[in-house]
Amino acid sequence: FEIQRGEKVAIIGPNGIGKSTLLKIILAQLSADEGTFEWGYETHTSYFAQDHHEHLRGKISAYDWLYATAPHEPIGAIRGLLGRVLLSGDEALKQVTALSGGESARLLFARIMLEKRNILILDEPTNHMDLEGVAALGDALKAFEGTVLVVSHYRHFVSKVATHILELTPHGVRDFSGSYQEYLEKFGDDYLSRDQPLSTTHRETKATPSTQELSNAERKKLQSEISKLKKQSTRFETLIEEGEQKISAIEAKFGVENFYQQASPEEIQNLQTEKEKLSAQLSTHLSQWETSSHKLEVAQARFGG
């Protein structure tokens, strides 16, 4: 298979199939049993590992740790970047060993931003992240002009980011150029909605009548249901996007240099309250979108036989 510059590739497949191993092979951290690969000209990688905590050790604050990785950067730029990953104010002064899983992940993404590489290789980047962090990461990756290879089990994140799907199976590789929703519509193997054992290569679903076995009235009713569910899913996607944009706008204000010194306590509190309200709404809309999308897939599978 071939990956073009600028593509956002999601690597999916059953648990235990070797998705993380594949990332380590292309990073030359492990040797391949067979086959070869080749990077293009002027490619430079940044890597986010599942077991990233080992990179954050010692008695040092989040701010000092990030500054040590890029001492040439202005102090204002470092503080602004920490604000963008929601580590502003007191959070930036926490010891790296005291950071939560989500805070550790966001700090490492701040370092990746400073590295300014053109290929990002991400292994389960949303683990331990809250909705705000996941939304911010999704927006950043969509805006990123370089190439992304990502392993993730979070369905909404993959649906939002991926432009190319690489499916690993015990029998080989399925290379699909398109979004995750397009992949589902064509193949129907949803590895992100639940955990699957390695031995299962296709979804186990109850047998449903094919289109030929449905009466005209049933087909008409099913078509109407599919149309309704498509509209629902689109509406929830719009609400999710709007919510993420509003949260990002508030985070951008928090990330402005000297914001906490210049803003009044009341303004800061109002923004924080609004952000919490938006996050709760986003969580609800994500759940509604997941439910609607699953119903749509079931209906389409039944209609398609």
C-alpha atoms as a PDB file:
ATOM      1  CA  PHE A   1       0.000   0.000   0.000  1.00  0.00           C
ATOM      2  CA  GLU A   2       1.019   3.624  -0.436  1.00  0.00           C
ATOM      3  CA  ILE A   3       0.315   6.660   1.728  1.00  0.00           C
ATOM      4  CA  GLN A   4       0.293  10.092   0.149  1.00  0.00           C
ATOM      5  CA  ARG A   5       1.614  13.240   1.781  1.00  0.00           C
ATOM      6  CA  GLY A   6      -1.041  14.952   3.892  1.00  0.00           C
ATOM      7  CA  GLU A   7      -3.254  11.890   4.401  1.00  0.00           C
ATOM      8  CA  LYS A   8      -4.658  11.050   7.843  1.00  0.00           C
ATOM      9  CA  VAL A   9      -4.434   7.256   8.077  1.00  0.00           C
ATOM     10  CA  ALA A  10      -6.305   5.299  10.757  1.00  0.00           C
ATOM     11  CA  ILE A  11      -4.953   1.794  11.363  1.00  0.00           C
ATOM     12  CA  ILE A  12      -7.739  -0.498  12.567  1.00  0.00           C
ATOM     13  CA  GLY A  13      -8.328  -4.187  13.195  1.00  0.00           C
ATOM     14  CA  PRO A  14      -9.114  -6.743  15.919  1.00  0.00           C
ATOM     15  CA  ASN A  15      -7.356  -6.496  19.271  1.00  0.00           C
ATOM     16  CA  GLY A  16      -3.997  -8.257  19.196  1.00  0.00           C
ATOM     17  CA  ILE A  17      -3.568  -8.079  15.426  1.00  0.00           C
ATOM     18  CA  GLY A  18      -0.356  -6.005  15.692  1.00  0.00           C
ATOM     19  CA  LYS A  19      -1.352  -2.384  15.089  1.00  0.00           C
ATOM     20  CA  SER A  20       1.108  -0.987  17.646  1.00  0.00           C
ATOM     21  CA  THR A  21       3.759  -3.402  16.395  1.00  0.00           C
ATOM     22  CA  LEU A  22       3.338  -2.051  12.862  1.00  0.00           C
ATOM     23  CA  LEU A  23       3.974   1.489  14.115  1.00  0.00           C
ATOM     24  CA  LYS A  24       7.165   0.371  15.868  1.00  0.00           C
ATOM     25  CA  ILE A  25       8.358  -1.398  12.722  1.00  0.00           C
ATOM     26  CA  ILE A  26       7.981   1.684  10.535  1.00  0.00           C
ATOM     27  CA  LEU A  27       9.791   3.667  13.242  1.00  0.00           C
ATOM     28  CA  ALA A  28      12.648   1.102  13.094  1.00  0.00           C
ATOM     29  CA  GLN A  29      12.114   0.230  16.768  1.00  0.00           C
ATOM     30  CA  LEU A  30      11.355  -3.381  15.785  1.00  0.00           C
ATOM     31  CA  SER A  31      12.454  -5.538  12.854  1.00  0.00           C
ATOM     32  CA  ALA A  32       9.873  -6.859  10.403  1.00  0.00           C
ATOM     33  CA  ASP A  33       9.498 -10.630   9.957  1.00  0.00           C
ATOM     34  CA  GLU A  34       9.097 -10.057   6.227  1.00  0.00           C
ATOM     35  CA  GLY A  35       8.414  -7.296   3.722  1.00  0.00           C
ATOM     36  CA  THR A  36       9.929  -3.844   3.352  1.00  0.00           C
ATOM     37  CA  PHE A  37       8.882  -0.225   3.561  1.00  0.00           C
ATOM     38  CA  GLU A  38      10.365   3.057   2.411  1.00  0.00           C
ATOM     39  CA  TRP A  39       9.857   6.644   3.540  1.00  0.00           C
ATOM     40  CA  GLY A  40       9.563   9.433   1.001  1.00  0.00           C
ATOM     41  CA  TYR A  41      11.982  12.317   0.554  1.00  0.00           C
ATOM     42  CA  GLU A  42      12.382  14.784   3.453  1.00  0.00           C
ATOM     43  CA  THR A  43      10.112  12.928   5.855  1.00  0.00           C
ATOM     44  CA  HIS A  44      10.554  13.597   9.568  1.00  0.00           C
ATOM     45  CA  THR A  45       8.547  11.801  12.239  1.00  0.00           C
ATOM     46  CA  SER A  46       7.238  12.527  15.719  1.00  0.00           C
ATOM     47  CA  TYR A  47       5.959   9.597  17.775  1.00  0.00           C
ATOM     48  CA  PHE A  48       3.368   9.404  20.535  1.00  0.00           C
ATOM     49  CA  ALA A  49       3.592   6.042  22.304  1.00  0.00           C
ATOM     50  CA  GLN A  50       0.911   4.297  24.356  1.00  0.00           C
ATOM     51  CA  ASP A  51       3.351   3.923  27.249  1.00  0.00           C
ATOM     52  CA  HIS A  52       4.357   7.591  27.196  1.00  0.00           C
ATOM     53  CA  HIS A  53       4.693   8.056  30.979  1.00  0.00           C
ATOM     54  CA  GLU A  54       8.317   6.875  30.887  1.00  0.00           C
ATOM     55  CA  HIS A  55       9.190  10.127  29.090  1.00  0.00           C
ATOM     56  CA  LEU A  56       7.980  12.221  32.039  1.00  0.00           C
ATOM     57  CA  ARG A  57      10.306  11.630  34.976  1.00  0.00           C
ATOM     58  CA  GLY A  58      12.182  13.716  37.498  1.00  0.00           C
ATOM     59  CA  LYS A  59      11.312  16.596  39.805  1.00  0.00           C
ATOM     60  CA  ILE A  60      10.523  19.190  37.174  1.00  0.00           C
ATOM     61  CA  SER A  61       7.434  21.235  36.346  1.00  0.00           C
ATOM     62  CA  ALA A  62       5.461  20.858  33.134  1.00  0.00           C
ATOM     63  CA  TYR A  63       6.644  24.308  32.054  1.00  0.00           C
ATOM     64  CA  ASP A  64      10.331  23.570  32.765  1.00  0.00           C
ATOM     65  CA  TRP A  65      10.099  20.171  31.051  1.00  0.00           C
ATOM     66  CA  LEU A  66       8.681  21.694  27.872  1.00  0.00           C
ATOM     67  CA  TYR A  67      11.126  24.608  27.919  1.00  0.00           C
ATOM     68  CA  ALA A  68      14.048  22.156  28.284  1.00  0.00           C
ATOM     69  CA  THR A  69      13.004  20.453  25.034  1.00  0.00           C
ATOM     70  CA  ALA A  70      13.086  23.778  23.144  1.00  0.00           C
ATOM     71  CA  PRO A  71      15.239  26.336  25.008  1.00  0.00           C
ATOM     72  CA  HIS A  72      15.444  28.479  21.863  1.00  0.00           C
ATOM     73  CA  GLU A  73      11.705  29.238  22.013  1.00  0.00           C
ATOM     74  CA  PRO A  74      10.538  32.508  23.648  1.00  0.00           C
ATOM     75  CA  ILE A  75       9.017  32.118  27.114  1.00  0.00           C
ATOM     76  CA  GLY A  76       5.743  33.604  25.859  1.00  0.00           C
ATOM     77  CA  ALA A  77       5.539  30.974  23.122  1.00  0.00           C
ATOM     78  CA  ILE A  78       6.046  28.167  25.656  1.00  0.00           C
ATOM     79  CA  ARG A  79       3.325  29.517  27.956  1.00  0.00           C
ATOM     80  CA  GLY A  80       0.973  30.081  25.022  1.00  0.00           C
ATOM     81  CA  LEU A  81       1.511  26.516  23.817  1.00  0.00           C
ATOM     82  CA  LEU A  82       0.822  25.143  27.296  1.00  0.00           C
ATOM     83  CA  GLY A  83      -2.396  27.154  27.318  1.00  0.00           C
ATOM     84  CA  ARG A  84      -3.424  25.619  24.001  1.00  0.00           C
ATOM     85  CA  VAL A  85      -3.114  22.132  25.519  1.00  0.00           C
ATOM     86  CA  LEU A  86      -5.062  23.237  28.624  1.00  0.00           C
ATOM     87  CA  LEU A  87      -2.036  23.414  30.936  1.00  0.00           C
ATOM     88  CA  SER A  88      -2.105  27.083  31.840  1.00  0.00           C
ATOM     89  CA  GLY A  89      -1.781  28.792  35.221  1.00  0.00           C
ATOM     90  CA  ASP A  90      -1.181  26.437  38.149  1.00  0.00           C
ATOM     91  CA  GLU A  91      -1.371  23.349  35.922  1.00  0.00           C
ATOM     92  CA  ALA A  92       1.826  24.449  34.143  1.00  0.00           C
ATOM     93  CA  LEU A  93       3.653  24.456  37.495  1.00  0.00           C
ATOM     94  CA  LYS A  94       2.713  20.884  38.415  1.00  0.00           C
ATOM     95  CA  GLN A  95       5.494  18.324  38.686  1.00  0.00           C
ATOM     96  CA  VAL A  96       5.429  16.081  35.614  1.00  0.00           C
ATOM     97  CA  THR A  97       5.147  13.004  37.845  1.00  0.00           C
ATOM     98  CA  ALA A  98       1.957  14.447  39.391  1.00  0.00           C
ATOM     99  CA  LEU A  99       0.164  14.981  36.068  1.00  0.00           C
ATOM    100  CA  SER A 100      -2.903  12.901  35.271  1.00  0.00           C
ATOM    101  CA  GLY A 101      -2.935  10.626  32.244  1.00  0.00           C
ATOM    102  CA  GLY A 102      -4.731  13.238  30.157  1.00  0.00           C
ATOM    103  CA  GLU A 103      -2.434  16.044  31.305  1.00  0.00           C
ATOM    104  CA  SER A 104       0.650  13.949  30.502  1.00  0.00           C
ATOM    105  CA  ALA A 105      -0.676  13.231  27.019  1.00  0.00           C
ATOM    106  CA  ARG A 106      -1.405  16.910  26.353  1.00  0.00           C
ATOM    107  CA  LEU A 107       2.079  17.912  27.534  1.00  0.00           C
ATOM    108  CA  LEU A 108       3.652  15.438  25.119  1.00  0.00           C
ATOM    109  CA  PHE A 109       1.527  16.821  22.305  1.00  0.00           C
ATOM    110  CA  ALA A 110       2.842  20.282  23.148  1.00  0.00           C
ATOM    111  CA  ARG A 111       6.368  18.930  22.620  1.00  0.00           C
ATOM    112  CA  ILE A 112       5.316  17.359  19.318  1.00  0.00           C
ATOM    113  CA  MET A 113       3.999  20.762  18.202  1.00  0.00           C
ATOM    114  CA  LEU A 114       7.380  22.309  18.995  1.00  0.00           C
ATOM    115  CA  GLU A 115       9.196  19.616  16.990  1.00  0.00           C
ATOM    116  CA  LYS A 116       7.308  20.683  13.833  1.00  0.00           C
ATOM    117  CA  ARG A 117       7.787  17.353  12.033  1.00  0.00           C
ATOM    118  CA  ASN A 118       5.786  16.535   8.894  1.00  0.00           C
ATOM    119  CA  ILE A 119       4.703  13.013   9.935  1.00  0.00           C
ATOM    120  CA  LEU A 120       2.912  12.215  13.196  1.00  0.00           C
ATOM    121  CA  ILE A 121       2.729   8.595  14.356  1.00  0.00           C
ATOM    122  CA  LEU A 122       0.231   8.269  17.193  1.00  0.00           C
ATOM    123  CA  ASP A 123      -0.518   5.124  19.196  1.00  0.00           C
ATOM    124  CA  GLU A 124      -3.827   5.430  21.105  1.00  0.00           C
ATOM    125  CA  PRO A 125      -3.433   9.195  21.637  1.00  0.00           C
ATOM    126  CA  THR A 126      -6.896   9.652  23.195  1.00  0.00           C
ATOM    127  CA  ASN A 127      -6.339   7.204  26.068  1.00  0.00           C
ATOM    128  CA  HIS A 128      -6.950   8.998  29.397  1.00  0.00           C
ATOM    129  CA  MET A 129      -8.064  12.185  27.611  1.00  0.00           C
ATOM    130  CA  ASP A 130     -11.301  13.936  28.510  1.00  0.00           C
ATOM    131  CA  LEU A 131     -13.713  15.169  25.834  1.00  0.00           C
ATOM    132  CA  GLU A 132     -12.096  18.601  25.708  1.00  0.00           C
ATOM    133  CA  GLY A 133      -8.687  17.121  25.053  1.00  0.00           C
ATOM    134  CA  VAL A 134      -9.990  14.738  22.400  1.00  0.00           C
ATOM    135  CA  ALA A 135     -11.869  17.538  20.643  1.00  0.00           C
ATOM    136  CA  ALA A 136      -8.811  19.799  20.687  1.00  0.00           C
ATOM    137  CA  LEU A 137      -6.587  17.011  19.344  1.00  0.00           C
ATOM    138  CA  GLY A 138      -9.045  16.206  16.568  1.00  0.00           C
ATOM    139  CA  ASP A 139      -9.189  19.838  15.481  1.00  0.00           C
ATOM    140  CA  ALA A 140      -5.394  20.113  15.535  1.00  0.00           C
ATOM    141  CA  LEU A 141      -4.895  16.987  13.422  1.00  0.00           C
ATOM    142  CA  LYS A 142      -7.497  18.077  10.876  1.00  0.00           C
ATOM    143  CA  ALA A 143      -5.664  21.391  10.513  1.00  0.00           C
ATOM    144  CA  PHE A 144      -2.221  19.711  10.384  1.00  0.00           C
ATOM    145  CA  GLU A 145      -0.817  19.874   6.846  1.00  0.00           C
ATOM    146  CA  GLY A 146       1.462  16.866   7.221  1.00  0.00           C
ATOM    147  CA  THR A 147       0.751  13.134   7.327  1.00  0.00           C
ATOM    148  CA  VAL A 148      -0.770  11.272  10.280  1.00  0.00           C
ATOM    149  CA  LEU A 149      -0.733   7.550  11.079  1.00  0.00           C
ATOM    150  CA  VAL A 150      -2.901   6.816  14.096  1.00  0.00           C
ATOM    151  CA  VAL A 151      -4.103   3.806  16.044  1.00  0.00           C
ATOM    152  CA  SER A 152      -7.221   4.592  18.076  1.00  0.00           C
ATOM    153  CA  HIS A 153     -10.303   2.781  19.384  1.00  0.00           C
ATOM    154  CA  TYR A 154     -12.297   5.993  19.820  1.00  0.00           C
ATOM    155  CA  ARG A 155     -14.887   5.940  17.044  1.00  0.00           C
ATOM    156  CA  HIS A 156     -15.802   9.630  16.934  1.00  0.00           C
ATOM    157  CA  PHE A 157     -12.136  10.657  16.892  1.00  0.00           C
ATOM    158  CA  VAL A 158     -11.344   8.334  13.967  1.00  0.00           C
ATOM    159  CA  SER A 159     -14.493   9.411  12.110  1.00  0.00           C
ATOM    160  CA  LYS A 160     -13.500  13.042  12.505  1.00  0.00           C
ATOM    161  CA  VAL A 161      -9.835  12.765  11.542  1.00  0.00           C
ATOM    162  CA  ALA A 162      -9.251   9.855   9.151  1.00  0.00           C
ATOM    163  CA  THR A 163      -9.120  10.278   5.366  1.00  0.00           C
ATOM    164  CA  HIS A 164      -7.631   6.806   4.762  1.00  0.00           C
ATOM    165  CA  ILE A 165      -8.318   3.467   6.487  1.00  0.00           C
ATOM    166  CA  LEU A 166      -5.757   0.674   6.764  1.00  0.00           C
ATOM    167  CA  GLU A 167      -7.384  -2.477   8.142  1.00  0.00           C
ATOM    168  CA  LEU A 168      -5.174  -5.278   9.480  1.00  0.00           C
ATOM    169  CA  THR A 169      -6.593  -8.817   9.482  1.00  0.00           C
ATOM    170  CA  PRO A 170      -5.073 -12.275  10.084  1.00  0.00           C
ATOM    171  CA  HIS A 171      -5.246 -12.766   6.292  1.00  0.00           C
ATOM    172  CA  GLY A 172      -3.634  -9.534   5.125  1.00  0.00           C
ATOM    173  CA  VAL A 173      -4.341  -5.832   4.732  1.00  0.00           C
ATOM    174  CA  ARG A 174      -7.360  -3.950   3.427  1.00  0.00           C
ATOM    175  CA  ASP A 175      -6.318  -0.538   2.078  1.00  0.00           C
ATOM    176  CA  PHE A 176      -9.238   1.896   1.758  1.00  0.00           C
ATOM    177  CA  SER A 177      -8.985   5.535   0.669  1.00  0.00           C
ATOM    178  CA  GLY A 178     -11.862   7.378   2.322  1.00  0.00           C
ATOM    179  CA  SER A 179     -13.412   8.279   5.667  1.00  0.00           C
ATOM    180  CA  TYR A 180     -14.352   5.799   8.369  1.00  0.00           C
ATOM    181  CA  GLN A 181     -18.048   6.280   7.642  1.00  0.00           C
ATOM    182  CA  GLU A 182     -17.428   5.458   3.968  1.00  0.00           C
ATOM    183  CA  TYR A 183     -15.436   2.395   5.026  1.00  0.00           C
ATOM    184  CA  LEU A 184     -18.330   1.205   7.212  1.00  0.00           C
ATOM    185  CA  GLU A 185     -20.848   1.707   4.432  1.00  0.00           C
ATOM    186  CA  LYS A 186     -18.742  -0.423   2.083  1.00  0.00           C
ATOM    187  CA  PHE A 187     -17.411  -3.159   4.382  1.00  0.00           C
ATOM    188  CA  GLY A 188     -19.335  -2.944   7.664  1.00  0.00           C
ATOM    189  CA  ASP A 189     -16.501  -4.212   9.906  1.00  0.00           C
ATOM    190  CA  ASP A 190     -16.767  -1.837  12.876  1.00  0.00           C
ATOM    191  CA  TYR A 191     -13.761  -2.514  15.091  1.00  0.00           C
ATOM    192  CA  LEU A 192     -14.222   0.690  17.073  1.00  0.00           C
ATOM    193  CA  SER A 193     -17.676   0.157  18.578  1.00  0.00           C
ATOM    194  CA  ARG A 194     -16.591  -2.709  20.820  1.00  0.00           C
ATOM    195  CA  ASP A 195     -13.583  -4.918  21.581  1.00  0.00           C
ATOM    196  CA  GLN A 196     -13.170  -7.910  19.287  1.00  0.00           C
ATOM    197  CA  PRO A 197     -11.033 -11.038  19.745  1.00  0.00           C
ATOM    198  CA  LEU A 198      -8.361 -11.752  17.168  1.00  0.00           C
ATOM    199  CA  SER A 199     -10.239 -14.760  15.827  1.00  0.00           C
ATOM    200  CA  THR A 200     -13.203 -12.621  14.752  1.00  0.00           C
ATOM    201  CA  THR A 201     -12.553 -11.020  11.392  1.00  0.00           C
ATOM    202  CA  HIS A 202     -16.066  -9.823  10.631  1.00  0.00           C
ATOM    203  CA  ARG A 203     -18.866  -8.455  12.750  1.00  0.00           C
ATOM    204  CA  GLU A 204     -21.178 -11.055  14.212  1.00  0.00           C
ATOM    205  CA  THR A 205     -24.691  -9.790  13.592  1.00  0.00           C
ATOM    206  CA  LYS A 206     -28.039 -11.483  13.694  1.00  0.00           C
ATOM    207  CA  ALA A 207     -29.184 -12.700  10.332  1.00  0.00           C
ATOM    208  CA  THR A 208     -31.545 -10.203   8.744  1.00  0.00           C
ATOM    209  CA  PRO A 209     -33.722 -10.582   5.672  1.00  0.00           C
ATOM    210  CA  SER A 210     -32.172  -9.435   2.413  1.00  0.00           C
ATOM    211  CA  THR A 211     -33.806  -6.814   0.214  1.00  0.00           C
ATOM    212  CA  GLN A 212     -35.315  -9.568  -1.931  1.00  0.00           C
ATOM    213  CA  GLU A 213     -37.042 -11.092   1.123  1.00  0.00           C
ATOM    214  CA  LEU A 214     -38.600  -7.773   2.191  1.00  0.00           C
ATOM    215  CA  SER A 215     -41.993  -6.780   0.892  1.00  0.00           C
ATOM    216  CA  ASN A 216     -42.403  -3.543  -1.032  1.00  0.00           C
ATOM    217  CA  ALA A 217     -44.026  -1.957   2.015  1.00  0.00           C
ATOM    218  CA  GLU A 218     -41.139  -3.066   4.260  1.00  0.00           C
ATOM    219  CA  ARG A 219     -38.529  -1.754   1.823  1.00  0.00           C
ATOM    220  CA  LYS A 220     -40.317   1.583   1.628  1.00  0.00           C
ATOM    221  CA  LYS A 221     -40.505   1.811   5.418  1.00  0.00           C
ATOM    222  CA  LEU A 222     -36.820   0.898   5.748  1.00  0.00           C
ATOM    223  CA  GLN A 223     -35.804   3.519   3.170  1.00  0.00           C
ATOM    224  CA  SER A 224     -37.743   6.133   5.138  1.00  0.00           C
ATOM    225  CA  GLU A 225     -36.001   5.060   8.351  1.00  0.00           C
ATOM    226  CA  ILE A 226     -32.558   5.251   6.703  1.00  0.00           C
ATOM    227  CA  SER A 227     -33.303   8.752   5.391  1.00  0.00           C
ATOM    228  CA  LYS A 228     -34.425   9.881   8.851  1.00  0.00           C
ATOM    229  CA  LEU A 229     -31.357   8.407  10.557  1.00  0.00           C
ATOM    230  CA  LYS A 230     -29.007  10.038   8.028  1.00  0.00           C
ATOM    231  CA  LYS A 231     -30.556  13.428   8.818  1.00  0.00           C
ATOM    232  CA  GLN A 232     -30.240  12.759  12.552  1.00  0.00           C
ATOM    233  CA  SER A 233     -26.575  11.791  12.245  1.00  0.00           C
ATOM    234  CA  THR A 234     -25.819  14.872  10.146  1.00  0.00           C
ATOM    235  CA  ARG A 235     -27.580  17.113  12.686  1.00  0.00           C
ATOM    236  CA  PHE A 236     -25.621  15.645  15.586  1.00  0.00           C
ATOM    237  CA  GLU A 237     -22.355  15.977  13.625  1.00  0.00           C
ATOM    238  CA  THR A 238     -23.134  19.670  13.099  1.00  0.00           C
ATOM    239  CA  LEU A 239     -23.882  20.156  16.809  1.00  0.00           C
ATOM    240  CA  ILE A 240     -20.660  18.356  17.742  1.00  0.00           C
ATOM    241  CA  GLU A 241     -18.596  20.501  15.372  1.00  0.00           C
ATOM    242  CA  GLU A 242     -20.199  23.704  16.652  1.00  0.00           C
ATOM    243  CA  GLY A 243     -19.596  22.668  20.261  1.00  0.00           C
ATOM    244  CA  GLU A 244     -15.954  21.804  19.589  1.00  0.00           C
ATOM    245  CA  GLN A 245     -15.418  25.165  17.870  1.00  0.00           C
ATOM    246  CA  LYS A 246     -16.893  27.055  20.834  1.00  0.00           C
ATOM    247  CA  ILE A 247     -14.735  25.126  23.298  1.00  0.00           C
ATOM    248  CA  SER A 248     -11.652  25.756  21.133  1.00  0.00           C
ATOM    249  CA  ALA A 249     -12.429  29.487  21.096  1.00  0.00           C
ATOM    250  CA  ILE A 250     -12.505  29.568  24.906  1.00  0.00           C
ATOM    251  CA  GLU A 251      -9.285  27.551  25.099  1.00  0.00           C
ATOM    252  CA  ALA A 252      -7.655  30.001  22.685  1.00  0.00           C
ATOM    253  CA  LYS A 253      -8.492  32.847  25.083  1.00  0.00           C
ATOM    254  CA  PHE A 254      -6.967  30.904  27.972  1.00  0.00           C
ATOM    255  CA  GLY A 255      -3.832  30.385  25.872  1.00  0.00           C
ATOM    256  CA  VAL A 256      -3.235  34.074  25.122  1.00  0.00           C
ATOM    257  CA  GLU A 257      -0.082  35.377  26.777  1.00  0.00           C
ATOM    258  CA  ASN A 258      -0.796  37.247  30.051  1.00  0.00           C
ATOM    259  CA  PHE A 259      -4.519  36.401  29.836  1.00  0.00           C
ATOM    260  CA  TYR A 260      -4.726  35.409  33.500  1.00  0.00           C
ATOM    261  CA  GLN A 261      -2.941  38.585  34.549  1.00  0.00           C
ATOM    262  CA  GLN A 262      -5.128  40.883  32.444  1.00  0.00           C
ATOM    263  CA  ALA A 263      -8.563  39.232  32.784  1.00  0.00           C
ATOM    264  CA  SER A 264     -10.740  39.761  35.850  1.00  0.00           C
ATOM    265  CA  PRO A 265     -11.538  36.791  38.127  1.00  0.00           C
ATOM    266  CA  GLU A 266     -15.192  37.140  37.108  1.00  0.00           C
ATOM    267  CA  GLU A 267     -14.341  36.890  33.395  1.00  0.00           C
ATOM    268  CA  ILE A 268     -12.155  33.833  33.986  1.00  0.00           C
ATOM    269  CA  GLN A 269     -14.882  32.153  36.043  1.00  0.00           C
ATOM    270  CA  ASN A 270     -17.570  32.922  33.454  1.00  0.00           C
ATOM    271  CA  LEU A 271     -15.455  31.422  30.676  1.00  0.00           C
ATOM    272  CA  GLN A 272     -14.696  28.327  32.756  1.00  0.00           C
ATOM    273  CA  THR A 273     -18.403  27.860  33.557  1.00  0.00           C
ATOM    274  CA  GLU A 274     -19.331  28.252  29.887  1.00  0.00           C
ATOM    275  CA  LYS A 275     -16.658  25.755  28.909  1.00  0.00           C
ATOM    276  CA  GLU A 276     -17.976  23.170  31.396  1.00  0.00           C
ATOM    277  CA  LYS A 277     -21.517  23.681  30.078  1.00  0.00           C
ATOM    278  CA  LEU A 278     -20.357  23.219  26.478  1.00  0.00           C
ATOM    279  CA  SER A 279     -18.388  20.093  27.424  1.00  0.00           C
ATOM    280  CA  ALA A 280     -21.494  18.533  28.993  1.00  0.00           C
ATOM    281  CA  GLN A 281     -23.516  19.319  25.862  1.00  0.00           C
ATOM    282  CA  LEU A 282     -20.748  17.886  23.679  1.00  0.00           C
ATOM    283  CA  SER A 283     -20.778  14.646  25.663  1.00  0.00           C
ATOM    284  CA  THR A 284     -24.546  14.335  25.164  1.00  0.00           C
ATOM    285  CA  HIS A 285     -24.333  15.026  21.429  1.00  0.00           C
ATOM    286  CA  LEU A 286     -21.505  12.508  21.013  1.00  0.00           C
ATOM    287  CA  SER A 287     -23.600   9.832  22.699  1.00  0.00           C
ATOM    288  CA  GLN A 288     -26.603  10.693  20.514  1.00  0.00           C
ATOM    289  CA  TRP A 289     -24.448  10.588  17.376  1.00  0.00           C
ATOM    290  CA  GLU A 290     -23.021   7.172  18.320  1.00  0.00           C
ATOM    291  CA  THR A 291     -26.530   5.767  18.850  1.00  0.00           C
ATOM    292  CA  SER A 292     -27.896   7.266  15.638  1.00  0.00           C
ATOM    293  CA  SER A 293     -24.909   6.093  13.574  1.00  0.00           C
ATOM    294  CA  HIS A 294     -25.195   2.543  14.893  1.00  0.00           C
ATOM    295  CA  LYS A 295     -28.914   2.405  14.063  1.00  0.00           C
ATOM    296  CA  LEU A 296     -28.123   3.727  10.586  1.00  0.00           C
ATOM    297  CA  GLU A 297     -25.505   1.015   9.976  1.00  0.00           C
ATOM    298  CA  VAL A 298     -27.924  -1.710  11.097  1.00  0.00           C
ATOM    299  CA  ALA A 299     -30.684  -0.364   8.825  1.00  0.00           C
ATOM    300  CA  GLN A 300     -28.331  -0.031   5.845  1.00  0.00           C
ATOM    301  CA  ALA A 301     -27.006  -3.562   6.394  1.00  0.00           C
ATOM    302  CA  ARG A 302     -30.555  -4.915   6.446  1.00  0.00           C
ATOM    303  CA  PHE A 303     -31.546  -2.990   3.327  1.00  0.00           C
ATOM    304  CA  GLY A 304     -28.395  -4.057   1.504  1.00  0.00           C
ATOM    305  CA  GLY A 305     -28.818  -7.676   2.496  1.00  0.00           C
END
